[in-house]
Amino acid sequence: TVQVKDGTIPMSRLDDAVARVLRVKQRLGLFEAGKPSSRALSGRYELLGAPEHRAIAREAVRKSLVMLKNTGVLPLRPTAHILVAGDGADDIARQSGGWTLSWQGTGLTNAQFPGATSLWRGIEQSVAKAGGSAELAPDGDYKQRPDAAIVIFGETPYAEFQGDIPSLQLRPELRRPFATMRRLKAAGIPVVAVMITGRPLYVNEALNQSDAFVTAWLPGSEGAGVADLLFAGADNMPAHDFRGRLPTAWPATARHGGATLFPLGYGLTYADGPQRWTDLPEDSLVADDGNGPGVYFDKGVPAASWSLTVSQIDRGDNLRVTTVPAVGLGGRAQITATDYGVQEGARQFAIAAGSEGATVEIGALDALDLSRETNGDVVLLATLRLDARPSAPVSMSMGCDNAECGRPIPVAEFSTLAPGQWQVMAVPLKCFAAAGADMTRITAPFRLETAGSLGFSLARVALGSAAEADTAVQCPR
């Protein structure tokens, strides 16, 4: 709206875009079709999700899958013991993408998709029917050694804005299943990688670590359609063959407009037989690591132009933490290094109670305008570990031009975290806005404060999607 009003986008361009939409609606006969409530089958809600409809949707899933690699491990024997790993294995919202029950497709649970089947459930049902067994272990730590492993990974849901990425690669936290693949392969377990994604991305590491690689795109409610193609029939022959082909080229690097790895129209079939594989280079050829601009603290250190400080709640006795170990607040705050992902990839805070309280802040001199992100249902993600339970309430806030910025948000969820376990906690930006923060001039996107004692470790602070969180802070009412 602003760009139209200031002339950046001419009104003629807006008129042309609207006219295109209206022409399509006219060709579909929507203007003559009458109100939706007056049309045939209107109000017949019992027909939603009918078996015939689900069968067609499942068929569509089978026909859309694209196999990019198969050294001979596929199809799997349905009578085998199958490990299903990866953070996308049992998440119907994730396999459905954006614009589902919410704008970005986030903040949803499997229970909100009645009758739908996750990829894990589809696999479990398929092997159980044939006399095999399946085990779900997202981190790959199995109880019984599997005959093969299916690792399901990929993008989290997004619509416009949240889906914008600076380069053609997954964000670092979404690449964790790559290490699971590597570990399983090193143990001699055949690995099948299944990628959930709305677009081709640079994933050479996953292609190298897997024995077979299948792009599932966004299969939606009928996850069993994926299992239909991964497993053989009773005669150990493929029950269905792959028919999907790439709708666009698959990138060899994360660089926009870079080299192509697989061309438009590429896709293997079982009829092609096993294919030899030569390991791909694992250089993305881009300077960024896929984080994007909304990362303020990563691997235990502030991003460029950002600072980590510890102070009293009133900002007195301010200590900028540049090296560790460090001591602040007259000895009440001890800051040391701890491991997360990499050696010393996080900072550990041991804070003693005091009348002046304590604040851990990540801030900068230049203000950010986060109003667009706030409107886009973006959340603030903090990767942290509770080391010692707080003796007093914990709250979070933001800083505006290095001053107070709205009311602190109580974070009761902090006390419920399991001690010693790393988790990703999400705070919707809308919570800060509702508490009075001016989201157009944020200089400190992360301020955590308490008047009591507290022990915690912090590895990463960034903007992202609620789908990436283990726990979410509820906005005060």
Protein backbone atom coordinates (compact mmCIF):
# COMPACT_ATOMS: atom_id res chain seq x y z
CA THR A 1 0.00 0.00 0.00
CA VAL A 2 2.77 2.43 0.94
CA GLN A 3 4.67 1.76 -2.31
CA VAL A 4 1.54 2.40 -4.37
CA LYS A 5 0.80 5.63 -2.53
CA ASP A 6 4.37 6.95 -2.85
CA GLY A 7 4.52 6.05 -6.54
CA THR A 8 7.13 3.29 -6.31
CA ILE A 9 4.56 0.91 -7.83
CA PRO A 10 2.36 2.65 -10.43
CA MET A 11 -1.39 2.26 -10.14
CA SER A 12 -1.42 0.81 -13.66
CA ARG A 13 0.66 -2.14 -12.40
CA LEU A 14 -1.81 -2.77 -9.59
CA ASP A 15 -4.74 -2.53 -12.03
CA ASP A 16 -3.05 -5.07 -14.31
CA ALA A 17 -2.51 -7.54 -11.44
CA VAL A 18 -6.13 -7.27 -10.31
CA ALA A 19 -7.40 -7.62 -13.88
CA ARG A 20 -5.46 -10.88 -14.29
CA VAL A 21 -7.14 -12.34 -11.20
CA LEU A 22 -10.59 -11.23 -12.34
CA ARG A 23 -10.07 -12.72 -15.82
CA VAL A 24 -9.24 -16.13 -14.35
CA LYS A 25 -12.33 -16.00 -12.12
CA GLN A 26 -14.46 -15.03 -15.12
CA ARG A 27 -13.11 -17.95 -17.21
CA LEU A 28 -13.93 -20.31 -14.34
CA GLY A 29 -17.49 -19.03 -14.30
CA LEU A 30 -17.29 -17.89 -10.69
CA PHE A 31 -19.29 -14.73 -11.32
CA GLU A 32 -22.24 -16.77 -12.61
CA ALA A 33 -21.92 -19.68 -10.15
CA GLY A 34 -23.86 -17.97 -7.38
CA LYS A 35 -23.00 -17.91 -3.69
CA PRO A 36 -21.07 -20.96 -2.42
CA SER A 37 -24.01 -21.70 -0.11
CA SER A 38 -26.30 -22.06 -3.14
CA ARG A 39 -24.17 -24.56 -5.02
CA ALA A 40 -24.53 -28.33 -5.26
CA LEU A 41 -23.39 -30.28 -2.19
CA SER A 42 -23.19 -27.07 -0.14
CA GLY A 43 -23.34 -27.83 3.57
CA ARG A 44 -22.60 -31.54 3.09
CA TYR A 45 -19.68 -31.43 5.49
CA GLU A 46 -19.80 -35.19 5.98
CA LEU A 47 -18.39 -35.53 2.46
CA LEU A 48 -15.15 -33.77 3.41
CA GLY A 49 -12.38 -36.33 3.58
CA ALA A 50 -14.50 -39.03 2.01
CA PRO A 51 -12.60 -42.26 1.25
CA GLU A 52 -12.87 -41.62 -2.49
CA HIS A 53 -11.35 -38.17 -2.06
CA ARG A 54 -8.51 -39.46 0.11
CA ALA A 55 -7.77 -42.20 -2.41
CA ILE A 56 -7.32 -39.60 -5.15
CA ALA A 57 -5.15 -37.45 -2.88
CA ARG A 58 -3.00 -40.48 -2.04
CA GLU A 59 -2.64 -41.27 -5.73
CA ALA A 60 -1.55 -37.67 -6.34
CA VAL A 61 1.14 -38.07 -3.70
CA ARG A 62 2.46 -41.22 -5.39
CA LYS A 63 2.57 -39.52 -8.77
CA SER A 64 4.32 -36.38 -7.49
CA LEU A 65 7.28 -37.95 -5.65
CA VAL A 66 10.63 -37.54 -7.39
CA MET A 67 13.47 -40.01 -6.80
CA LEU A 68 16.84 -38.30 -7.25
CA LYS A 69 19.09 -41.13 -6.06
CA ASN A 70 18.89 -44.91 -5.64
CA THR A 71 21.97 -47.06 -5.33
CA GLY A 72 19.78 -50.12 -4.96
CA VAL A 73 18.35 -49.84 -1.44
CA LEU A 74 14.84 -49.09 -2.73
CA PRO A 75 12.30 -50.57 -2.67
CA LEU A 76 12.53 -51.60 0.98
CA ARG A 77 11.26 -54.95 2.23
CA PRO A 78 8.03 -54.33 4.16
CA THR A 79 8.80 -57.32 6.39
CA ALA A 80 11.96 -55.64 7.69
CA HIS A 81 12.47 -53.59 10.85
CA ILE A 82 12.47 -49.95 9.74
CA LEU A 83 13.75 -46.97 11.69
CA VAL A 84 11.95 -43.70 10.93
CA ALA A 85 14.05 -40.70 11.97
CA GLY A 86 14.20 -36.98 11.32
CA ASP A 87 12.30 -34.02 12.72
CA GLY A 88 9.69 -34.10 9.94
CA ALA A 89 8.59 -37.71 10.38
CA ASP A 90 5.40 -37.26 12.41
CA ASP A 91 4.26 -33.72 11.59
CA ILE A 92 1.20 -33.34 9.38
CA ALA A 93 1.31 -29.54 9.49
CA ARG A 94 4.88 -29.60 8.24
CA GLN A 95 4.10 -31.95 5.35
CA SER A 96 1.14 -29.73 4.41
CA GLY A 97 3.00 -26.40 4.21
CA GLY A 98 1.52 -22.93 4.53
CA TRP A 99 -2.02 -21.69 3.98
CA THR A 100 -3.67 -24.65 5.76
CA LEU A 101 -5.43 -24.03 9.07
CA SER A 102 -3.29 -20.98 9.69
CA TRP A 103 -1.69 -18.44 7.37
CA GLN A 104 1.88 -19.70 7.72
CA GLY A 105 0.86 -23.28 8.52
CA THR A 106 2.49 -23.02 11.94
CA GLY A 107 1.27 -23.50 15.49
CA LEU A 108 -0.69 -26.63 14.56
CA THR A 109 -0.76 -30.19 15.88
CA ASN A 110 -1.60 -33.51 14.25
CA ALA A 111 -4.86 -33.55 16.21
CA GLN A 112 -6.06 -30.61 14.12
CA PHE A 113 -5.96 -32.73 10.95
CA PRO A 114 -8.59 -35.43 11.63
CA GLY A 115 -8.31 -38.40 9.32
CA ALA A 116 -4.90 -37.31 7.99
CA THR A 117 -1.83 -39.57 8.02
CA SER A 118 1.71 -38.44 8.80
CA LEU A 119 4.61 -39.96 6.89
CA TRP A 120 5.54 -41.95 9.99
CA ARG A 121 2.03 -43.39 10.40
CA GLY A 122 1.90 -44.29 6.73
CA ILE A 123 5.19 -46.17 6.98
CA GLU A 124 4.18 -47.85 10.24
CA GLN A 125 0.88 -49.02 8.76
CA SER A 126 2.54 -50.29 5.59
CA VAL A 127 5.13 -52.48 7.32
CA ALA A 128 2.72 -53.69 10.01
CA LYS A 129 0.33 -54.89 7.31
CA ALA A 130 3.13 -56.94 5.73
CA GLY A 131 4.37 -58.39 9.01
CA GLY A 132 7.30 -56.03 9.51
CA SER A 133 7.90 -53.46 12.23
CA ALA A 134 8.76 -49.78 12.49
CA GLU A 135 10.33 -47.64 15.18
CA LEU A 136 10.07 -43.85 15.45
CA ALA A 137 13.16 -42.08 16.79
CA PRO A 138 13.52 -38.51 15.45
CA ASP A 139 17.15 -38.27 16.61
CA GLY A 140 18.02 -41.69 15.16
CA ASP A 141 18.73 -43.31 18.54
CA TYR A 142 17.04 -46.65 17.95
CA LYS A 143 16.23 -49.35 20.51
CA GLN A 144 16.49 -52.22 18.03
CA ARG A 145 19.01 -52.14 15.22
CA PRO A 146 17.04 -51.51 12.02
CA ASP A 147 17.42 -53.18 8.66
CA ALA A 148 17.09 -49.74 7.06
CA ALA A 149 16.40 -46.17 8.12
CA ILE A 150 14.14 -43.56 6.57
CA VAL A 151 15.21 -40.05 7.59
CA ILE A 152 12.53 -37.41 6.97
CA PHE A 153 13.70 -33.79 6.96
CA GLY A 154 13.22 -30.51 5.16
CA GLU A 155 11.53 -27.16 5.38
CA THR A 156 9.08 -26.03 8.01
CA PRO A 157 5.77 -24.49 6.84
CA TYR A 158 5.69 -21.00 5.40
CA ALA A 159 3.66 -18.68 3.26
CA GLU A 160 4.77 -15.29 1.92
CA PHE A 161 7.43 -13.45 3.91
CA GLN A 162 8.38 -16.26 6.29
CA GLY A 163 9.36 -18.32 3.27
CA ASP A 164 11.86 -15.73 2.02
CA ILE A 165 15.41 -17.09 2.16
CA PRO A 166 18.70 -15.35 1.32
CA SER A 167 20.14 -18.41 -0.45
CA LEU A 168 18.95 -21.77 -1.77
CA GLN A 169 19.55 -23.83 1.35
CA LEU A 170 17.92 -24.99 4.55
CA ARG A 171 18.47 -22.99 7.69
CA PRO A 172 21.19 -24.53 9.92
CA GLU A 173 18.74 -25.92 12.48
CA LEU A 174 16.89 -27.79 9.73
CA ARG A 175 20.10 -29.57 8.67
CA ARG A 176 20.49 -31.48 11.93
CA PRO A 177 19.12 -34.70 10.37
CA PHE A 178 22.20 -34.72 8.11
CA ALA A 179 24.28 -35.74 11.13
CA THR A 180 21.75 -38.49 11.87
CA MET A 181 22.17 -39.81 8.33
CA ARG A 182 25.94 -39.75 8.66
CA ARG A 183 25.86 -41.62 11.96
CA LEU A 184 23.48 -44.29 10.67
CA LYS A 185 25.44 -44.79 7.49
CA ALA A 186 28.67 -45.12 9.48
CA ALA A 187 26.96 -47.90 11.44
CA GLY A 188 26.29 -49.78 8.21
CA ILE A 189 22.56 -49.06 8.13
CA PRO A 190 21.07 -48.27 4.68
CA VAL A 191 19.65 -44.73 4.67
CA VAL A 192 16.71 -43.43 2.66
CA ALA A 193 16.36 -39.64 2.76
CA VAL A 194 12.88 -38.17 2.27
CA MET A 195 12.76 -34.41 1.89
CA ILE A 196 9.70 -32.28 2.65
CA THR A 197 9.99 -29.03 0.72
CA GLY A 198 8.10 -26.55 -1.39
CA ARG A 199 11.08 -25.92 -3.69
CA PRO A 200 14.40 -27.42 -4.81
CA LEU A 201 17.26 -26.54 -2.46
CA TYR A 202 20.97 -27.24 -2.14
CA VAL A 203 21.25 -30.40 -0.01
CA ASN A 204 24.40 -32.06 -1.34
CA GLU A 205 25.36 -33.32 2.11
CA ALA A 206 22.07 -35.24 2.45
CA LEU A 207 22.41 -36.60 -1.08
CA ASN A 208 25.91 -37.87 -0.24
CA GLN A 209 24.96 -39.40 3.11
CA SER A 210 21.90 -41.28 1.84
CA ASP A 211 21.68 -44.45 -0.22
CA ALA A 212 18.43 -43.23 -1.77
CA PHE A 213 16.91 -39.76 -1.90
CA VAL A 214 13.25 -38.97 -2.53
CA THR A 215 11.72 -35.51 -2.78
CA ALA A 216 8.23 -35.72 -1.28
CA TRP A 217 7.41 -32.03 -1.79
CA LEU A 218 4.34 -31.29 0.40
CA PRO A 219 2.27 -34.50 0.44
CA GLY A 220 -0.42 -33.00 2.67
CA SER A 221 -2.88 -35.19 4.52
CA GLU A 222 -2.08 -38.47 2.74
CA GLY A 223 1.36 -39.36 4.01
CA ALA A 224 0.72 -43.04 3.27
CA GLY A 225 1.26 -42.21 -0.40
CA VAL A 226 4.97 -41.91 0.34
CA ALA A 227 5.11 -45.38 1.89
CA ASP A 228 3.34 -46.76 -1.19
CA LEU A 229 6.46 -46.03 -3.23
CA LEU A 230 9.17 -46.81 -0.70
CA PHE A 231 8.19 -50.44 -0.09
CA ALA A 232 7.99 -53.51 -2.28
CA GLY A 233 4.90 -55.66 -2.56
CA ALA A 234 4.45 -59.22 -1.33
CA ASP A 235 6.53 -60.48 -4.28
CA ASN A 236 9.41 -58.13 -3.31
CA MET A 237 8.83 -56.21 -6.52
CA PRO A 238 7.87 -52.51 -6.55
CA ALA A 239 4.17 -52.12 -5.85
CA HIS A 240 4.22 -48.75 -7.63
CA ASP A 241 6.88 -47.01 -9.68
CA PHE A 242 8.03 -43.41 -9.50
CA ARG A 243 6.44 -41.13 -12.07
CA GLY A 244 7.34 -37.71 -10.71
CA ARG A 245 9.71 -35.40 -12.54
CA LEU A 246 11.36 -32.19 -11.39
CA PRO A 247 9.18 -29.18 -12.27
CA THR A 248 12.29 -26.99 -12.27
CA ALA A 249 16.05 -27.50 -12.09
CA TRP A 250 17.61 -28.69 -8.83
CA PRO A 251 20.55 -26.49 -7.73
CA ALA A 252 24.12 -27.73 -7.37
CA THR A 253 24.93 -24.84 -4.99
CA ALA A 254 23.01 -22.45 -2.76
CA ARG A 255 23.69 -19.56 -5.13
CA HIS A 256 20.71 -18.04 -6.93
CA GLY A 257 21.17 -18.59 -10.65
CA GLY A 258 24.03 -20.99 -10.00
CA ALA A 259 24.89 -24.34 -11.54
CA THR A 260 22.28 -27.07 -12.02
CA LEU A 261 22.65 -30.50 -10.42
CA PHE A 262 19.51 -32.15 -11.84
CA PRO A 263 17.75 -30.59 -14.85
CA LEU A 264 14.10 -29.81 -15.36
CA GLY A 265 12.24 -33.08 -15.94
CA TYR A 266 14.74 -35.30 -14.12
CA GLY A 267 13.50 -38.22 -12.05
CA LEU A 268 14.56 -41.85 -11.60
CA THR A 269 12.26 -44.87 -11.72
CA TYR A 270 12.61 -48.42 -10.44
CA ALA A 271 12.79 -49.48 -14.07
CA ASP A 272 16.08 -47.56 -14.32
CA GLY A 273 17.68 -49.92 -11.81
CA PRO A 274 20.37 -49.04 -9.25
CA GLN A 275 22.48 -46.03 -10.15
CA ARG A 276 26.15 -45.45 -9.32
CA TRP A 277 26.82 -42.37 -7.21
CA THR A 278 29.80 -40.05 -7.12
CA ASP A 279 29.93 -37.86 -4.03
CA LEU A 280 29.09 -34.23 -4.66
CA PRO A 281 31.11 -31.24 -3.45
CA GLU A 282 29.66 -29.83 -0.23
CA ASP A 283 30.54 -26.18 -0.81
CA SER A 284 27.42 -24.02 -1.00
CA LEU A 285 29.39 -21.26 -2.78
CA VAL A 286 27.60 -18.56 -0.79
CA ALA A 287 28.93 -16.48 2.07
CA ASP A 288 25.85 -16.74 4.26
CA ASP A 289 25.01 -19.95 6.11
CA GLY A 290 21.29 -19.81 5.40
CA ASN A 291 20.42 -17.97 8.59
CA GLY A 292 19.30 -14.77 6.93
CA PRO A 293 19.40 -11.33 8.54
CA GLY A 294 17.24 -12.22 11.57
CA VAL A 295 19.99 -13.92 13.58
CA TYR A 296 21.26 -11.97 16.57
CA PHE A 297 23.22 -14.59 18.50
CA ASP A 298 24.61 -17.86 17.19
CA LYS A 299 27.12 -20.47 18.35
CA GLY A 300 27.44 -18.61 21.61
CA VAL A 301 28.49 -15.25 20.19
CA PRO A 302 26.60 -12.15 19.02
CA ALA A 303 26.20 -11.60 15.30
CA ALA A 304 28.09 -8.74 13.67
CA SER A 305 27.08 -5.33 15.13
CA TRP A 306 25.31 -6.99 18.09
CA SER A 307 26.46 -7.19 21.70
CA LEU A 308 25.78 -9.49 24.64
CA THR A 309 25.43 -7.65 27.96
CA VAL A 310 24.56 -8.49 31.54
CA SER A 311 23.20 -5.74 33.77
CA GLN A 312 20.81 -4.88 36.55
CA ILE A 313 17.15 -4.64 35.52
CA ASP A 314 17.47 -0.83 35.53
CA ARG A 315 20.49 -1.20 33.18
CA GLY A 316 22.94 -0.27 35.91
CA ASP A 317 26.26 -2.08 36.35
CA ASN A 318 26.30 -2.98 32.68
CA LEU A 319 28.86 -5.58 31.53
CA ARG A 320 29.50 -6.20 27.83
CA VAL A 321 30.53 -9.84 27.50
CA THR A 322 33.34 -10.10 24.93
CA THR A 323 35.37 -12.94 26.40
CA VAL A 324 34.66 -15.77 28.82
CA PRO A 325 34.87 -16.51 31.64
CA ALA A 326 33.43 -13.20 32.79
CA VAL A 327 31.99 -11.88 36.05
CA GLY A 328 29.30 -9.23 36.39
CA LEU A 329 26.88 -7.64 38.85
CA GLY A 330 29.47 -7.47 41.58
CA GLY A 331 30.10 -11.18 41.39
CA ARG A 332 26.44 -12.23 41.21
CA ALA A 333 26.68 -13.23 37.53
CA GLN A 334 29.14 -15.79 36.22
CA ILE A 335 29.37 -16.21 32.44
CA THR A 336 31.26 -19.17 30.98
CA ALA A 337 31.43 -21.17 27.77
CA THR A 338 29.59 -24.45 27.27
CA ASP A 339 29.17 -26.78 24.31
CA TYR A 340 26.25 -26.85 21.92
CA GLY A 341 26.67 -28.21 18.41
CA VAL A 342 30.31 -27.17 18.41
CA GLN A 343 32.85 -26.73 21.17
CA GLU A 344 31.97 -23.65 23.25
CA GLY A 345 28.94 -23.08 21.02
CA ALA A 346 26.91 -21.49 23.84
CA ARG A 347 27.24 -19.21 26.86
CA GLN A 348 26.27 -20.33 30.36
CA PHE A 349 24.87 -17.88 32.91
CA ALA A 350 24.87 -18.56 36.65
CA ILE A 351 23.01 -15.70 38.32
CA ALA A 352 22.53 -15.20 42.05
CA ALA A 353 19.54 -13.36 43.48
CA GLY A 354 19.87 -9.66 44.26
CA SER A 355 17.65 -6.68 44.98
CA GLU A 356 18.64 -5.03 41.69
CA GLY A 357 17.78 -8.13 39.66
CA ALA A 358 19.58 -9.24 36.52
CA THR A 359 19.09 -8.81 32.78
CA VAL A 360 20.74 -10.68 29.91
CA GLU A 361 20.41 -8.66 26.73
CA ILE A 362 21.38 -8.84 23.07
CA GLY A 363 21.37 -5.37 21.58
CA ALA A 364 22.78 -3.02 18.97
CA LEU A 365 23.09 0.70 18.36
CA ASP A 366 21.04 0.82 15.15
CA ALA A 367 17.30 0.22 15.48
CA LEU A 368 15.42 -2.44 13.53
CA ASP A 369 11.93 -2.12 12.09
CA LEU A 370 10.28 -5.46 12.91
CA SER A 371 6.72 -4.32 12.20
CA ARG A 372 6.48 -6.38 9.01
CA GLU A 373 7.80 -9.47 10.77
CA THR A 374 5.31 -8.91 13.59
CA ASN A 375 2.43 -8.77 11.13
CA GLY A 376 3.77 -11.93 9.48
CA ASP A 377 3.42 -14.08 12.62
CA VAL A 378 7.19 -14.35 13.06
CA VAL A 379 8.47 -15.46 16.45
CA LEU A 380 11.64 -14.87 18.44
CA LEU A 381 13.44 -18.19 18.88
CA ALA A 382 15.86 -18.81 21.72
CA THR A 383 17.85 -22.04 21.80
CA LEU A 384 18.57 -22.55 25.48
CA ARG A 385 19.07 -25.00 28.30
CA LEU A 386 17.80 -24.64 31.85
CA ASP A 387 20.66 -25.41 34.23
CA ALA A 388 19.12 -24.32 37.55
CA ARG A 389 15.45 -23.51 38.12
CA PRO A 390 14.64 -19.84 38.76
CA SER A 391 13.86 -18.80 42.32
CA ALA A 392 11.71 -15.90 41.08
CA PRO A 393 9.57 -15.17 37.99
CA VAL A 394 11.37 -14.76 34.66
CA SER A 395 10.22 -12.27 32.05
CA MET A 396 11.24 -11.12 28.58
CA SER A 397 11.04 -7.78 26.84
CA MET A 398 12.62 -5.78 24.05
CA GLY A 399 14.58 -2.56 23.96
CA CYS A 400 13.65 0.47 21.85
CA ASP A 401 16.47 2.91 21.09
CA ASN A 402 18.30 1.53 24.12
CA ALA A 403 15.41 2.30 26.46
CA GLU A 404 12.53 0.38 27.96
CA CYS A 405 10.10 -0.86 25.35
CA GLY A 406 6.72 -1.91 26.65
CA ARG A 407 5.84 -4.10 29.60
CA PRO A 408 7.87 -7.25 30.34
CA ILE A 409 6.18 -10.50 29.28
CA PRO A 410 5.98 -13.14 32.02
CA VAL A 411 7.61 -16.36 30.85
CA ALA A 412 6.12 -19.00 33.12
CA GLU A 413 7.15 -21.61 30.56
CA PHE A 414 10.78 -21.06 31.55
CA SER A 415 10.22 -22.81 34.86
CA THR A 416 8.65 -25.82 33.15
CA LEU A 417 11.67 -26.58 30.94
CA ALA A 418 13.36 -29.88 31.62
CA PRO A 419 16.72 -29.11 33.28
CA GLY A 420 19.78 -30.15 31.31
CA GLN A 421 17.98 -30.42 27.95
CA TRP A 422 18.46 -28.06 25.04
CA GLN A 423 15.18 -26.69 23.74
CA VAL A 424 14.00 -24.00 21.35
CA MET A 425 11.58 -21.57 22.97
CA ALA A 426 9.41 -19.29 20.84
CA VAL A 427 7.94 -15.91 21.77
CA PRO A 428 5.59 -14.40 19.16
CA LEU A 429 6.63 -10.88 18.19
CA LYS A 430 2.97 -9.97 18.55
CA CYS A 431 3.31 -10.58 22.30
CA PHE A 432 5.88 -7.79 22.55
CA ALA A 433 3.77 -5.50 20.38
CA ALA A 434 0.70 -6.17 22.52
CA ALA A 435 2.76 -5.34 25.60
CA GLY A 436 3.50 -1.89 24.20
CA ALA A 437 6.78 -2.35 22.31
CA ASP A 438 7.33 -0.05 19.36
CA MET A 439 8.27 -2.68 16.80
CA THR A 440 9.55 -0.04 14.37
CA ARG A 441 12.60 0.85 16.50
CA ILE A 442 13.96 -2.27 18.18
CA THR A 443 17.55 -2.13 19.38
CA ALA A 444 17.37 -5.12 21.74
CA PRO A 445 15.25 -8.02 20.43
CA PHE A 446 16.16 -10.19 23.42
CA ARG A 447 16.00 -9.14 27.08
CA LEU A 448 15.59 -11.79 29.76
CA GLU A 449 15.31 -10.63 33.35
CA THR A 450 14.68 -11.96 36.83
CA ALA A 451 15.00 -10.76 40.42
CA GLY A 452 15.97 -14.21 41.67
CA SER A 453 18.65 -16.77 41.05
CA LEU A 454 18.79 -18.54 37.71
CA GLY A 455 21.06 -20.83 35.75
CA PHE A 456 20.71 -21.21 31.98
CA SER A 457 22.74 -21.55 28.79
CA LEU A 458 22.07 -19.71 25.55
CA ALA A 459 23.22 -20.89 22.11
CA ARG A 460 21.14 -18.98 19.59
CA VAL A 461 18.63 -16.13 19.29
CA ALA A 462 16.93 -15.54 15.96
CA LEU A 463 13.67 -14.80 14.22
CA GLY A 464 11.82 -17.75 12.76
CA SER A 465 8.70 -19.83 12.65
CA ALA A 466 6.75 -21.33 15.54
CA ALA A 467 7.11 -24.70 13.82
CA GLU A 468 10.78 -24.72 14.82
CA ALA A 469 10.07 -24.45 18.55
CA ASP A 470 9.84 -27.10 21.24
CA THR A 471 7.84 -24.82 23.52
CA ALA A 472 5.96 -21.57 22.92
CA VAL A 473 5.36 -18.67 25.28
CA GLN A 474 1.72 -17.64 25.55
CA CYS A 475 0.94 -13.95 25.20
CA PRO A 476 -0.53 -12.42 28.37
CA ARG A 477 -4.26 -11.78 28.15
